[in-house]
PDB file of N, CA and C in Angstrom:
ATOM      1  N   MET A   1     110.631 117.670  78.232  1.00  0.00           N
ATOM      2  CA  MET A   1     109.223 117.318  78.332  1.00  0.00           C
ATOM      3  C   MET A   1     108.990 116.534  79.631  1.00  0.00           C
ATOM      4  N   ALA A   2     108.038 116.956  80.414  1.00  0.00           N
ATOM      5  CA  ALA A   2     107.738 116.333  81.694  1.00  0.00           C
ATOM      6  C   ALA A   2     106.912 115.059  81.489  1.00  0.00           C
ATOM      7  N   ILE A   3     107.069 114.156  82.425  1.00  0.00           N
ATOM      8  CA  ILE A   3     106.290 112.919  82.403  1.00  0.00           C
ATOM      9  C   ILE A   3     104.834 113.260  82.724  1.00  0.00           C
ATOM     10  N   GLN A   4     103.936 112.864  81.867  1.00  0.00           N
ATOM     11  CA  GLN A   4     102.518 113.134  82.069  1.00  0.00           C
ATOM     12  C   GLN A   4     101.827 112.026  82.866  1.00  0.00           C
ATOM     13  N   SER A   5     102.354 110.815  82.739  1.00  0.00           N
ATOM     14  CA  SER A   5     101.736 109.665  83.392  1.00  0.00           C
ATOM     15  C   SER A   5     102.812 108.688  83.849  1.00  0.00           C
ATOM     16  N   TYR A   6     102.556 108.024  84.952  1.00  0.00           N
ATOM     17  CA  TYR A   6     103.473 106.981  85.435  1.00  0.00           C
ATOM     18  C   TYR A   6     103.663 105.896  84.388  1.00  0.00           C
ATOM     19  N   ARG A   7     102.682 105.705  83.522  1.00  0.00           N
ATOM     20  CA  ARG A   7     102.772 104.666  82.485  1.00  0.00           C
ATOM     21  C   ARG A   7     103.876 104.940  81.470  1.00  0.00           C
ATOM     22  N   GLU A   8     104.325 106.180  81.417  1.00  0.00           N
ATOM     23  CA  GLU A   8     105.431 106.540  80.525  1.00  0.00           C
ATOM     24  C   GLU A   8     106.787 106.166  81.112  1.00  0.00           C
ATOM     25  N   LEU A   9     106.840 105.916  82.403  1.00  0.00           N
ATOM     26  CA  LEU A   9     108.106 105.596  83.061  1.00  0.00           C
ATOM     27  C   LEU A   9     108.544 104.174  82.730  1.00  0.00           C
ATOM     28  N   ILE A  10     109.748 104.040  82.202  1.00  0.00           N
ATOM     29  CA  ILE A  10     110.273 102.710  81.854  1.00  0.00           C
ATOM     30  C   ILE A  10     110.363 101.839  83.107  1.00  0.00           C
ATOM     31  N   ALA A  11     110.702 102.443  84.241  1.00  0.00           N
ATOM     32  CA  ALA A  11     110.776 101.681  85.499  1.00  0.00           C
ATOM     33  C   ALA A  11     109.426 101.051  85.810  1.00  0.00           C
ATOM     34  N   TRP A  12     108.336 101.790  85.625  1.00  0.00           N
ATOM     35  CA  TRP A  12     106.996 101.248  85.868  1.00  0.00           C
ATOM     36  C   TRP A  12     106.688 100.132  84.868  1.00  0.00           C
ATOM     37  N   GLN A  13     107.011 100.331  83.601  1.00  0.00           N
ATOM     38  CA  GLN A  13     106.751  99.318  82.572  1.00  0.00           C
ATOM     39  C   GLN A  13     107.488  98.024  82.872  1.00  0.00           C
ATOM     40  N   LYS A  14     108.764  98.135  83.255  1.00  0.00           N
ATOM     41  CA  LYS A  14     109.564  96.944  83.583  1.00  0.00           C
ATOM     42  C   LYS A  14     109.064  96.291  84.871  1.00  0.00           C
ATOM     43  N   ALA A  15     108.595  97.093  85.811  1.00  0.00           N
ATOM     44  CA  ALA A  15     108.029  96.541  87.044  1.00  0.00           C
ATOM     45  C   ALA A  15     106.752  95.754  86.745  1.00  0.00           C
ATOM     46  N   MET A  16     105.968  96.229  85.800  1.00  0.00           N
ATOM     47  CA  MET A  16     104.757  95.502  85.385  1.00  0.00           C
ATOM     48  C   MET A  16     105.147  94.172  84.726  1.00  0.00           C
ATOM     49  N   ASP A  17     106.213  94.178  83.927  1.00  0.00           N
ATOM     50  CA  ASP A  17     106.716  92.924  83.342  1.00  0.00           C
ATOM     51  C   ASP A  17     107.135  91.943  84.432  1.00  0.00           C
ATOM     52  N   LEU A  18     107.761  92.462  85.478  1.00  0.00           N
ATOM     53  CA  LEU A  18     108.177  91.621  86.597  1.00  0.00           C
ATOM     54  C   LEU A  18     106.967  90.999  87.292  1.00  0.00           C
ATOM     55  N   VAL A  19     105.916  91.765  87.476  1.00  0.00           N
ATOM     56  CA  VAL A  19     104.690  91.235  88.093  1.00  0.00           C
ATOM     57  C   VAL A  19     104.164  90.054  87.276  1.00  0.00           C
ATOM     58  N   GLU A  20     104.135  90.214  85.966  1.00  0.00           N
ATOM     59  CA  GLU A  20     103.669  89.121  85.099  1.00  0.00           C
ATOM     60  C   GLU A  20     104.552  87.885  85.239  1.00  0.00           C
ATOM     61  N   ALA A  21     105.863  88.090  85.249  1.00  0.00           N
ATOM     62  CA  ALA A  21     106.796  86.966  85.355  1.00  0.00           C
ATOM     63  C   ALA A  21     106.650  86.256  86.702  1.00  0.00           C
ATOM     64  N   ILE A  22     106.499  87.013  87.760  1.00  0.00           N
ATOM     65  CA  ILE A  22     106.310  86.424  89.091  1.00  0.00           C
ATOM     66  C   ILE A  22     105.008  85.626  89.129  1.00  0.00           C
ATOM     67  N   SER A  23     103.968  86.173  88.555  1.00  0.00           N
ATOM     68  CA  SER A  23     102.680  85.475  88.526  1.00  0.00           C
ATOM     69  C   SER A  23     102.790  84.139  87.792  1.00  0.00           C
ATOM     70  N   ARG A  24     103.464  84.160  86.649  1.00  0.00           N
ATOM     71  CA  ARG A  24     103.630  82.910  85.880  1.00  0.00           C
ATOM     72  C   ARG A  24     104.430  81.879  86.671  1.00  0.00           C
ATOM     73  N   GLU A  25     105.536  82.302  87.265  1.00  0.00           N
ATOM     74  CA  GLU A  25     106.410  81.362  87.980  1.00  0.00           C
ATOM     75  C   GLU A  25     105.761  80.802  89.240  1.00  0.00           C
ATOM     76  N   THR A  26     104.975  81.610  89.924  1.00  0.00           N
ATOM     77  CA  THR A  26     104.385  81.150  91.187  1.00  0.00           C
ATOM     78  C   THR A  26     103.185  80.233  90.984  1.00  0.00           C
ATOM     79  N   LYS A  27     102.688  80.152  89.767  1.00  0.00           N
ATOM     80  CA  LYS A  27     101.590  79.209  89.501  1.00  0.00           C
ATOM     81  C   LYS A  27     102.007  77.769  89.776  1.00  0.00           C
ATOM     82  N   GLY A  28     103.302  77.491  89.681  1.00  0.00           N
ATOM     83  CA  GLY A  28     103.803  76.150  89.913  1.00  0.00           C
ATOM     84  C   GLY A  28     104.197  75.869  91.361  1.00  0.00           C
ATOM     85  N   PHE A  29     104.035  76.853  92.245  1.00  0.00           N
ATOM     86  CA  PHE A  29     104.385  76.634  93.649  1.00  0.00           C
ATOM     87  C   PHE A  29     103.424  75.604  94.257  1.00  0.00           C
ATOM     88  N   PRO A  30     103.861  74.902  95.285  1.00  0.00           N
ATOM     89  CA  PRO A  30     102.983  73.922  95.942  1.00  0.00           C
ATOM     90  C   PRO A  30     101.703  74.574  96.476  1.00  0.00           C
ATOM     91  N   ARG A  31     100.641  73.823  96.454  1.00  0.00           N
ATOM     92  CA  ARG A  31      99.338  74.314  96.909  1.00  0.00           C
ATOM     93  C   ARG A  31      99.393  74.840  98.350  1.00  0.00           C
ATOM     94  N   GLU A  32     100.178  74.182  99.190  1.00  0.00           N
ATOM     95  CA  GLU A  32     100.239  74.619 100.597  1.00  0.00           C
ATOM     96  C   GLU A  32     100.896  75.991 100.759  1.00  0.00           C
ATOM     97  N   GLU A  33     101.518  76.506  99.707  1.00  0.00           N
ATOM     98  CA  GLU A  33     102.141  77.831  99.761  1.00  0.00           C
ATOM     99  C   GLU A  33     101.211  78.949  99.278  1.00  0.00           C
ATOM    100  N   ILE A  34      99.975  78.620  98.922  1.00  0.00           N
ATOM    101  CA  ILE A  34      99.062  79.616  98.354  1.00  0.00           C
ATOM    102  C   ILE A  34      98.881  80.830  99.271  1.00  0.00           C
ATOM    103  N   TYR A  35      98.837  80.597 100.577  1.00  0.00           N
ATOM    104  CA  TYR A  35      98.687  81.718 101.520  1.00  0.00           C
ATOM    105  C   TYR A  35     100.011  82.097 102.165  1.00  0.00           C
ATOM    106  N   GLY A  36     101.076  81.457 101.743  1.00  0.00           N
ATOM    107  CA  GLY A  36     102.404  81.730 102.279  1.00  0.00           C
ATOM    108  C   GLY A  36     103.254  82.460 101.265  1.00  0.00           C
ATOM    109  N   LEU A  37     104.271  81.759 100.788  1.00  0.00           N
ATOM    110  CA  LEU A  37     105.247  82.379  99.894  1.00  0.00           C
ATOM    111  C   LEU A  37     104.613  82.877  98.589  1.00  0.00           C
ATOM    112  N   THR A  38     103.669  82.132  98.047  1.00  0.00           N
ATOM    113  CA  THR A  38     103.032  82.560  96.793  1.00  0.00           C
ATOM    114  C   THR A  38     102.387  83.930  96.955  1.00  0.00           C
ATOM    115  N   ALA A  39     101.562  84.068  97.988  1.00  0.00           N
ATOM    116  CA  ALA A  39     100.873  85.344  98.214  1.00  0.00           C
ATOM    117  C   ALA A  39     101.866  86.455  98.546  1.00  0.00           C
ATOM    118  N   GLN A  40     102.866  86.136  99.336  1.00  0.00           N
ATOM    119  CA  GLN A  40     103.841  87.143  99.768  1.00  0.00           C
ATOM    120  C   GLN A  40     104.639  87.708  98.590  1.00  0.00           C
ATOM    121  N   ILE A  41     105.136  86.832  97.735  1.00  0.00           N
ATOM    122  CA  ILE A  41     105.955  87.302  96.614  1.00  0.00           C
ATOM    123  C   ILE A  41     105.103  88.061  95.598  1.00  0.00           C
ATOM    124  N   ARG A  42     103.875  87.623  95.410  1.00  0.00           N
ATOM    125  CA  ARG A  42     102.994  88.342  94.484  1.00  0.00           C
ATOM    126  C   ARG A  42     102.662  89.735  95.010  1.00  0.00           C
ATOM    127  N   ARG A  43     102.351  89.841  96.308  1.00  0.00           N
ATOM    128  CA  ARG A  43     102.061  91.156  96.901  1.00  0.00           C
ATOM    129  C   ARG A  43     103.261  92.085  96.784  1.00  0.00           C
ATOM    130  N   ALA A  44     104.441  91.556  97.082  1.00  0.00           N
ATOM    131  CA  ALA A  44     105.649  92.388  97.008  1.00  0.00           C
ATOM    132  C   ALA A  44     105.893  92.861  95.579  1.00  0.00           C
ATOM    133  N   ALA A  45     105.694  91.969  94.617  1.00  0.00           N
ATOM    134  CA  ALA A  45     105.898  92.344  93.209  1.00  0.00           C
ATOM    135  C   ALA A  45     104.891  93.415  92.788  1.00  0.00           C
ATOM    136  N   VAL A  46     103.640  93.242  93.165  1.00  0.00           N
ATOM    137  CA  VAL A  46     102.598  94.212  92.804  1.00  0.00           C
ATOM    138  C   VAL A  46     102.869  95.575  93.435  1.00  0.00           C
ATOM    139  N   SER A  47     103.481  95.577  94.614  1.00  0.00           N
ATOM    140  CA  SER A  47     103.729  96.856  95.284  1.00  0.00           C
ATOM    141  C   SER A  47     104.764  97.712  94.554  1.00  0.00           C
ATOM    142  N   ILE A  48     105.607  97.100  93.741  1.00  0.00           N
ATOM    143  CA  ILE A  48     106.647  97.881  93.045  1.00  0.00           C
ATOM    144  C   ILE A  48     106.024  98.872  92.056  1.00  0.00           C
ATOM    145  N   PRO A  49     105.291  98.416  91.027  1.00  0.00           N
ATOM    146  CA  PRO A  49     104.704  99.408  90.120  1.00  0.00           C
ATOM    147  C   PRO A  49     103.633 100.260  90.799  1.00  0.00           C
ATOM    148  N   SER A  50     102.968  99.700  91.811  1.00  0.00           N
ATOM    149  CA  SER A  50     101.945 100.468  92.532  1.00  0.00           C
ATOM    150  C   SER A  50     102.549 101.672  93.232  1.00  0.00           C
ATOM    151  N   ASN A  51     103.698 101.479  93.875  1.00  0.00           N
ATOM    152  CA  ASN A  51     104.345 102.596  94.567  1.00  0.00           C
ATOM    153  C   ASN A  51     104.928 103.608  93.588  1.00  0.00           C
ATOM    154  N   ILE A  52     105.422 103.133  92.456  1.00  0.00           N
ATOM    155  CA  ILE A  52     105.900 104.068  91.427  1.00  0.00           C
ATOM    156  C   ILE A  52     104.738 104.955  90.976  1.00  0.00           C
ATOM    157  N   ALA A  53     103.602 104.326  90.709  1.00  0.00           N
ATOM    158  CA  ALA A  53     102.424 105.071  90.250  1.00  0.00           C
ATOM    159  C   ALA A  53     101.934 106.040  91.324  1.00  0.00           C
ATOM    160  N   GLU A  54     101.859 105.562  92.561  1.00  0.00           N
ATOM    161  CA  GLU A  54     101.371 106.437  93.631  1.00  0.00           C
ATOM    162  C   GLU A  54     102.298 107.637  93.825  1.00  0.00           C
ATOM    163  N   GLY A  55     103.591 107.379  93.806  1.00  0.00           N
ATOM    164  CA  GLY A  55     104.542 108.471  93.971  1.00  0.00           C
ATOM    165  C   GLY A  55     104.450 109.499  92.861  1.00  0.00           C
ATOM    166  N   GLN A  56     104.288 109.020  91.625  1.00  0.00           N
ATOM    167  CA  GLN A  56     104.198 109.943  90.494  1.00  0.00           C
ATOM    168  C   GLN A  56     102.896 110.739  90.557  1.00  0.00           C
ATOM    169  N   GLY A  57     101.893 110.160  91.179  1.00  0.00           N
ATOM    170  CA  GLY A  57     100.611 110.845  91.299  1.00  0.00           C
ATOM    171  C   GLY A  57     100.555 111.880  92.414  1.00  0.00           C
ATOM    172  N   ARG A  58     101.566 111.904  93.254  1.00  0.00           N
ATOM    173  CA  ARG A  58     101.617 112.879  94.345  1.00  0.00           C
ATOM    174  C   ARG A  58     102.076 114.231  93.823  1.00  0.00           C
ATOM    175  N   SER A  59     101.954 115.238  94.668  1.00  0.00           N
ATOM    176  CA  SER A  59     102.186 116.606  94.192  1.00  0.00           C
ATOM    177  C   SER A  59     103.626 117.081  94.288  1.00  0.00           C
ATOM    178  N   THR A  60     104.485 116.354  95.017  1.00  0.00           N
ATOM    179  CA  THR A  60     105.849 116.861  95.164  1.00  0.00           C
ATOM    180  C   THR A  60     106.886 115.815  94.760  1.00  0.00           C
ATOM    181  N   THR A  61     108.050 116.293  94.393  1.00  0.00           N
ATOM    182  CA  THR A  61     109.171 115.410  94.071  1.00  0.00           C
ATOM    183  C   THR A  61     109.582 114.636  95.320  1.00  0.00           C
ATOM    184  N   ARG A  62     109.505 115.278  96.472  1.00  0.00           N
ATOM    185  CA  ARG A  62     109.840 114.611  97.729  1.00  0.00           C
ATOM    186  C   ARG A  62     108.951 113.389  97.942  1.00  0.00           C
ATOM    187  N   ASP A  63     107.661 113.526  97.665  1.00  0.00           N
ATOM    188  CA  ASP A  63     106.735 112.393  97.788  1.00  0.00           C
ATOM    189  C   ASP A  63     107.111 111.278  96.812  1.00  0.00           C
ATOM    190  N   LEU A  64     107.414 111.660  95.585  1.00  0.00           N
ATOM    191  CA  LEU A  64     107.798 110.666  94.580  1.00  0.00           C
ATOM    192  C   LEU A  64     109.041 109.910  95.035  1.00  0.00           C
ATOM    193  N   LEU A  65     110.025 110.621  95.534  1.00  0.00           N
ATOM    194  CA  LEU A  65     111.247 109.975  96.012  1.00  0.00           C
ATOM    195  C   LEU A  65     110.951 109.011  97.163  1.00  0.00           C
ATOM    196  N   TYR A  66     110.048 109.392  98.033  1.00  0.00           N
ATOM    197  CA  TYR A  66     109.662 108.524  99.146  1.00  0.00           C
ATOM    198  C   TYR A  66     109.059 107.213  98.622  1.00  0.00           C
ATOM    199  N   PHE A  67     108.138 107.303  97.679  1.00  0.00           N
ATOM    200  CA  PHE A  67     107.493 106.103  97.151  1.00  0.00           C
ATOM    201  C   PHE A  67     108.451 105.265  96.300  1.00  0.00           C
ATOM    202  N   LEU A  68     109.388 105.920  95.637  1.00  0.00           N
ATOM    203  CA  LEU A  68     110.406 105.163  94.904  1.00  0.00           C
ATOM    204  C   LEU A  68     111.289 104.375  95.864  1.00  0.00           C
ATOM    205  N   SER A  69     111.543 104.928  97.043  1.00  0.00           N
ATOM    206  CA  SER A  69     112.346 104.200  98.029  1.00  0.00           C
ATOM    207  C   SER A  69     111.568 103.001  98.575  1.00  0.00           C
ATOM    208  N   ILE A  70     110.275 103.130  98.712  1.00  0.00           N
ATOM    209  CA  ILE A  70     109.452 101.991  99.135  1.00  0.00           C
ATOM    210  C   ILE A  70     109.492 100.909  98.051  1.00  0.00           C
ATOM    211  N   ALA A  71     109.405 101.317  96.794  1.00  0.00           N
ATOM    212  CA  ALA A  71     109.484 100.361  95.681  1.00  0.00           C
ATOM    213  C   ALA A  71     110.834  99.645  95.688  1.00  0.00           C
ATOM    214  N   GLN A  72     111.904 100.373  95.998  1.00  0.00           N
ATOM    215  CA  GLN A  72     113.234  99.748  96.081  1.00  0.00           C
ATOM    216  C   GLN A  72     113.244  98.660  97.156  1.00  0.00           C
ATOM    217  N   GLY A  73     112.618  98.927  98.286  1.00  0.00           N
ATOM    218  CA  GLY A  73     112.529  97.927  99.342  1.00  0.00           C
ATOM    219  C   GLY A  73     111.768  96.699  98.889  1.00  0.00           C
ATOM    220  N   SER A  74     110.694  96.915  98.145  1.00  0.00           N
ATOM    221  CA  SER A  74     109.900  95.793  97.636  1.00  0.00           C
ATOM    222  C   SER A  74     110.692  94.963  96.628  1.00  0.00           C
ATOM    223  N   ILE A  75     111.555  95.616  95.874  1.00  0.00           N
ATOM    224  CA  ILE A  75     112.410  94.889  94.931  1.00  0.00           C
ATOM    225  C   ILE A  75     113.297  93.906  95.688  1.00  0.00           C
ATOM    226  N   LYS A  76     113.896  94.368  96.772  1.00  0.00           N
ATOM    227  CA  LYS A  76     114.765  93.495  97.575  1.00  0.00           C
ATOM    228  C   LYS A  76     113.960  92.359  98.210  1.00  0.00           C
ATOM    229  N   GLU A  77     112.735  92.665  98.582  1.00  0.00           N
ATOM    230  CA  GLU A  77     111.849  91.642  99.142  1.00  0.00           C
ATOM    231  C   GLU A  77     111.556  90.556  98.100  1.00  0.00           C
ATOM    232  N   VAL A  78     111.208  90.965  96.887  1.00  0.00           N
ATOM    233  CA  VAL A  78     110.933  90.009  95.812  1.00  0.00           C
ATOM    234  C   VAL A  78     112.172  89.171  95.519  1.00  0.00           C
ATOM    235  N   GLU A  79     113.312  89.830  95.413  1.00  0.00           N
ATOM    236  CA  GLU A  79     114.548  89.115  95.125  1.00  0.00           C
ATOM    237  C   GLU A  79     114.819  88.046  96.193  1.00  0.00           C
ATOM    238  N   THR A  80     114.661  88.417  97.447  1.00  0.00           N
ATOM    239  CA  THR A  80     114.872  87.461  98.539  1.00  0.00           C
ATOM    240  C   THR A  80     113.897  86.298  98.448  1.00  0.00           C
ATOM    241  N   GLN A  81     112.653  86.585  98.155  1.00  0.00           N
ATOM    242  CA  GLN A  81     111.642  85.531  98.068  1.00  0.00           C
ATOM    243  C   GLN A  81     111.885  84.621  96.868  1.00  0.00           C
ATOM    244  N   VAL A  82     112.399  85.156  95.788  1.00  0.00           N
ATOM    245  CA  VAL A  82     112.780  84.331  94.636  1.00  0.00           C
ATOM    246  C   VAL A  82     113.892  83.371  95.046  1.00  0.00           C
ATOM    247  N   LEU A  83     114.873  83.882  95.772  1.00  0.00           N
ATOM    248  CA  LEU A  83     115.976  83.033  96.217  1.00  0.00           C
ATOM    249  C   LEU A  83     115.503  81.961  97.204  1.00  0.00           C
ATOM    250  N   ILE A  84     114.536  82.306  98.041  1.00  0.00           N
ATOM    251  CA  ILE A  84     113.937  81.311  98.937  1.00  0.00           C
ATOM    252  C   ILE A  84     113.239  80.228  98.113  1.00  0.00           C
ATOM    253  N   ALA A  85     112.464  80.644  97.114  1.00  0.00           N
ATOM    254  CA  ALA A  85     111.752  79.685  96.258  1.00  0.00           C
ATOM    255  C   ALA A  85     112.730  78.755  95.550  1.00  0.00           C
ATOM    256  N   GLU A  86     113.854  79.306  95.128  1.00  0.00           N
ATOM    257  CA  GLU A  86     114.876  78.479  94.476  1.00  0.00           C
ATOM    258  C   GLU A  86     115.453  77.469  95.472  1.00  0.00           C
ATOM    259  N   ARG A  87     115.771  77.921  96.672  1.00  0.00           N
ATOM    260  CA  ARG A  87     116.321  77.017  97.696  1.00  0.00           C
ATOM    261  C   ARG A  87     115.349  75.891  98.047  1.00  0.00           C
ATOM    262  N   LEU A  88     114.062  76.235  98.040  1.00  0.00           N
ATOM    263  CA  LEU A  88     113.037  75.234  98.359  1.00  0.00           C
ATOM    264  C   LEU A  88     112.674  74.370  97.151  1.00  0.00           C
ATOM    265  N   LYS A  89     113.339  74.657  96.017  1.00  0.00           N
ATOM    266  CA  LYS A  89     113.134  73.908  94.772  1.00  0.00           C
ATOM    267  C   LYS A  89     111.738  74.110  94.173  1.00  0.00           C
ATOM    268  N   TYR A  90     111.149  75.269  94.441  1.00  0.00           N
ATOM    269  CA  TYR A  90     109.858  75.607  93.834  1.00  0.00           C
ATOM    270  C   TYR A  90     110.046  76.144  92.425  1.00  0.00           C
ATOM    271  N   ILE A  91     111.228  76.733  92.158  1.00  0.00           N
ATOM    272  CA  ILE A  91     111.562  77.197  90.819  1.00  0.00           C
ATOM    273  C   ILE A  91     112.997  76.767  90.502  1.00  0.00           C
ATOM    274  N   SER A  92     113.276  76.682  89.224  1.00  0.00           N
ATOM    275  CA  SER A  92     114.611  76.266  88.780  1.00  0.00           C
ATOM    276  C   SER A  92     115.629  77.391  88.976  1.00  0.00           C
ATOM    277  N   LYS A  93     116.897  77.010  88.937  1.00  0.00           N
ATOM    278  CA  LYS A  93     117.972  78.009  89.026  1.00  0.00           C
ATOM    279  C   LYS A  93     117.867  79.009  87.880  1.00  0.00           C
ATOM    280  N   GLN A  94     117.520  78.507  86.697  1.00  0.00           N
ATOM    281  CA  GLN A  94     117.411  79.373  85.524  1.00  0.00           C
ATOM    282  C   GLN A  94     116.273  80.389  85.692  1.00  0.00           C
ATOM    283  N   ALA A  95     115.132  79.910  86.180  1.00  0.00           N
ATOM    284  CA  ALA A  95     114.000  80.819  86.388  1.00  0.00           C
ATOM    285  C   ALA A  95     114.340  81.850  87.457  1.00  0.00           C
ATOM    286  N   ALA A  96     114.985  81.403  88.523  1.00  0.00           N
ATOM    287  CA  ALA A  96     115.378  82.328  89.591  1.00  0.00           C
ATOM    288  C   ALA A  96     116.352  83.376  89.059  1.00  0.00           C
ATOM    289  N   ALA A  97     117.327  82.937  88.273  1.00  0.00           N
ATOM    290  CA  ALA A  97     118.314  83.871  87.726  1.00  0.00           C
ATOM    291  C   ALA A  97     117.646  84.919  86.845  1.00  0.00           C
ATOM    292  N   LYS A  98     116.682  84.494  86.053  1.00  0.00           N
ATOM    293  CA  LYS A  98     115.974  85.441  85.177  1.00  0.00           C
ATOM    294  C   LYS A  98     115.183  86.455  86.008  1.00  0.00           C
ATOM    295  N   LEU A  99     114.496  85.981  87.044  1.00  0.00           N
ATOM    296  CA  LEU A  99     113.725  86.883  87.895  1.00  0.00           C
ATOM    297  C   LEU A  99     114.630  87.845  88.659  1.00  0.00           C
ATOM    298  N   VAL A 100     115.746  87.344  89.150  1.00  0.00           N
ATOM    299  CA  VAL A 100     116.690  88.210  89.861  1.00  0.00           C
ATOM    300  C   VAL A 100     117.239  89.275  88.912  1.00  0.00           C
ATOM    301  N   GLU A 101     117.495  88.901  87.668  1.00  0.00           N
ATOM    302  CA  GLU A 101     117.966  89.888  86.688  1.00  0.00           C
ATOM    303  C   GLU A 101     116.892  90.954  86.450  1.00  0.00           C
ATOM    304  N   GLN A 102     115.641  90.530  86.380  1.00  0.00           N
ATOM    305  CA  GLN A 102     114.560  91.507  86.204  1.00  0.00           C
ATOM    306  C   GLN A 102     114.473  92.445  87.401  1.00  0.00           C
ATOM    307  N   THR A 103     114.599  91.899  88.615  1.00  0.00           N
ATOM    308  CA  THR A 103     114.550  92.766  89.791  1.00  0.00           C
ATOM    309  C   THR A 103     115.719  93.751  89.775  1.00  0.00           C
ATOM    310  N   SER A 104     116.878  93.270  89.364  1.00  0.00           N
ATOM    311  CA  SER A 104     118.058  94.148  89.292  1.00  0.00           C
ATOM    312  C   SER A 104     117.848  95.269  88.288  1.00  0.00           C
ATOM    313  N   GLU A 105     117.269  94.930  87.145  1.00  0.00           N
ATOM    314  CA  GLU A 105     117.015  95.946  86.116  1.00  0.00           C
ATOM    315  C   GLU A 105     116.059  97.017  86.637  1.00  0.00           C
ATOM    316  N   VAL A 106     114.978  96.598  87.264  1.00  0.00           N
ATOM    317  CA  VAL A 106     114.021  97.567  87.811  1.00  0.00           C
ATOM    318  C   VAL A 106     114.708  98.411  88.887  1.00  0.00           C
ATOM    319  N   GLY A 107     115.519  97.781  89.709  1.00  0.00           N
ATOM    320  CA  GLY A 107     116.245  98.508  90.739  1.00  0.00           C
ATOM    321  C   GLY A 107     117.170  99.564  90.161  1.00  0.00           C
ATOM    322  N   ARG A 108     117.882  99.207  89.100  1.00  0.00           N
ATOM    323  CA  ARG A 108     118.772 100.179  88.441  1.00  0.00           C
ATOM    324  C   ARG A 108     117.974 101.349  87.865  1.00  0.00           C
ATOM    325  N   LEU A 109     116.851 101.033  87.257  1.00  0.00           N
ATOM    326  CA  LEU A 109     116.015 102.095  86.686  1.00  0.00           C
ATOM    327  C   LEU A 109     115.489 103.022  87.777  1.00  0.00           C
ATOM    328  N   LEU A 110     115.068 102.448  88.889  1.00  0.00           N
ATOM    329  CA  LEU A 110     114.578 103.272  90.001  1.00  0.00           C
ATOM    330  C   LEU A 110     115.691 104.121  90.593  1.00  0.00           C
ATOM    331  N   SER A 111     116.878 103.551  90.711  1.00  0.00           N
ATOM    332  CA  SER A 111     118.014 104.317  91.227  1.00  0.00           C
ATOM    333  C   SER A 111     118.336 105.483  90.311  1.00  0.00           C
ATOM    334  N   GLY A 112     118.347 105.231  89.020  1.00  0.00           N
ATOM    335  CA  GLY A 112     118.604 106.296  88.052  1.00  0.00           C
ATOM    336  C   GLY A 112     117.559 107.392  88.119  1.00  0.00           C
ATOM    337  N   LEU A 113     116.303 106.988  88.216  1.00  0.00           N
ATOM    338  CA  LEU A 113     115.216 107.962  88.317  1.00  0.00           C
ATOM    339  C   LEU A 113     115.354 108.780  89.600  1.00  0.00           C
ATOM    340  N   SER A 114     115.612 108.088  90.700  1.00  0.00           N
ATOM    341  CA  SER A 114     115.769 108.784  91.989  1.00  0.00           C
ATOM    342  C   SER A 114     116.943 109.763  91.945  1.00  0.00           C
ATOM    343  N   ASN A 115     118.059 109.323  91.420  1.00  0.00           N
ATOM    344  CA  ASN A 115     119.234 110.190  91.344  1.00  0.00           C
ATOM    345  C   ASN A 115     118.973 111.416  90.481  1.00  0.00           C
ATOM    346  N   SER A 116     118.271 111.207  89.374  1.00  0.00           N
ATOM    347  CA  SER A 116     117.936 112.323  88.487  1.00  0.00           C
ATOM    348  C   SER A 116     117.032 113.325  89.203  1.00  0.00           C
ATOM    349  N   LEU A 117     116.060 112.810  89.927  1.00  0.00           N
ATOM    350  CA  LEU A 117     115.142 113.691  90.655  1.00  0.00           C
ATOM    351  C   LEU A 117     115.854 114.449  91.772  1.00  0.00           C
ATOM    352  N   LYS A 118     116.771 113.782  92.441  1.00  0.00           N
ATOM    353  CA  LYS A 118     117.526 114.433  93.532  1.00  0.00           C
ATOM    354  C   LYS A 118     118.373 115.576  92.986  1.00  0.00           C
ATOM    355  N   LYS A 119     118.974 115.366  91.807  1.00  0.00           N
ATOM    356  CA  LYS A 119     119.801 116.421  91.191  1.00  0.00           C
ATOM    357  C   LYS A 119     118.953 117.640  90.834  1.00  0.00           C
ATOM    358  N   LYS A 120     117.737 117.392  90.372  1.00  0.00           N
ATOM    359  CA  LYS A 120     116.864 118.500  89.963  1.00  0.00           C
ATOM    360  C   LYS A 120     116.364 119.285  91.155  1.00  0.00           C
ATOM    361  N   THR A 121     116.301 118.653  92.320  1.00  0.00           N
ATOM    362  CA  THR A 121     115.769 119.357  93.503  1.00  0.00           C
ATOM    363  C   THR A 121     116.842 120.119  94.272  1.00  0.00           C
ATOM    364  N   LYS A 122     118.092 119.972  93.863  1.00  0.00           N
ATOM    365  CA  LYS A 122     119.194 120.679  94.556  1.00  0.00           C
ATOM    366  C   LYS A 122     119.327 122.090  94.057  1.00  0.00           C
TER     367      LYS A 122
END
């Protein structure tokens, strides 16, 4: 059975969970970071499920793979920004570890999806 909607993709669902978690954690960032790290990490997190959705909405598997690769890049961006926030003491080690685990999970799901799609196109 083919995927009818990006909303059916577990990778998209988990990416949406990550967006929520990032939003909650960044509420405690210092006010002076509102246009800096806070905005940057939120944008990067939002781009993950957005790119999954855009790719799934395109007409070719090649397009989907391209957008999944962009989402993978955004995952690494979020992970790096979480680690920066931890170093700056904006979030606890425990919160950072949980967010990094979420980014890793989404990354694994995207890799699996990409690999599956690549096999089907060969």
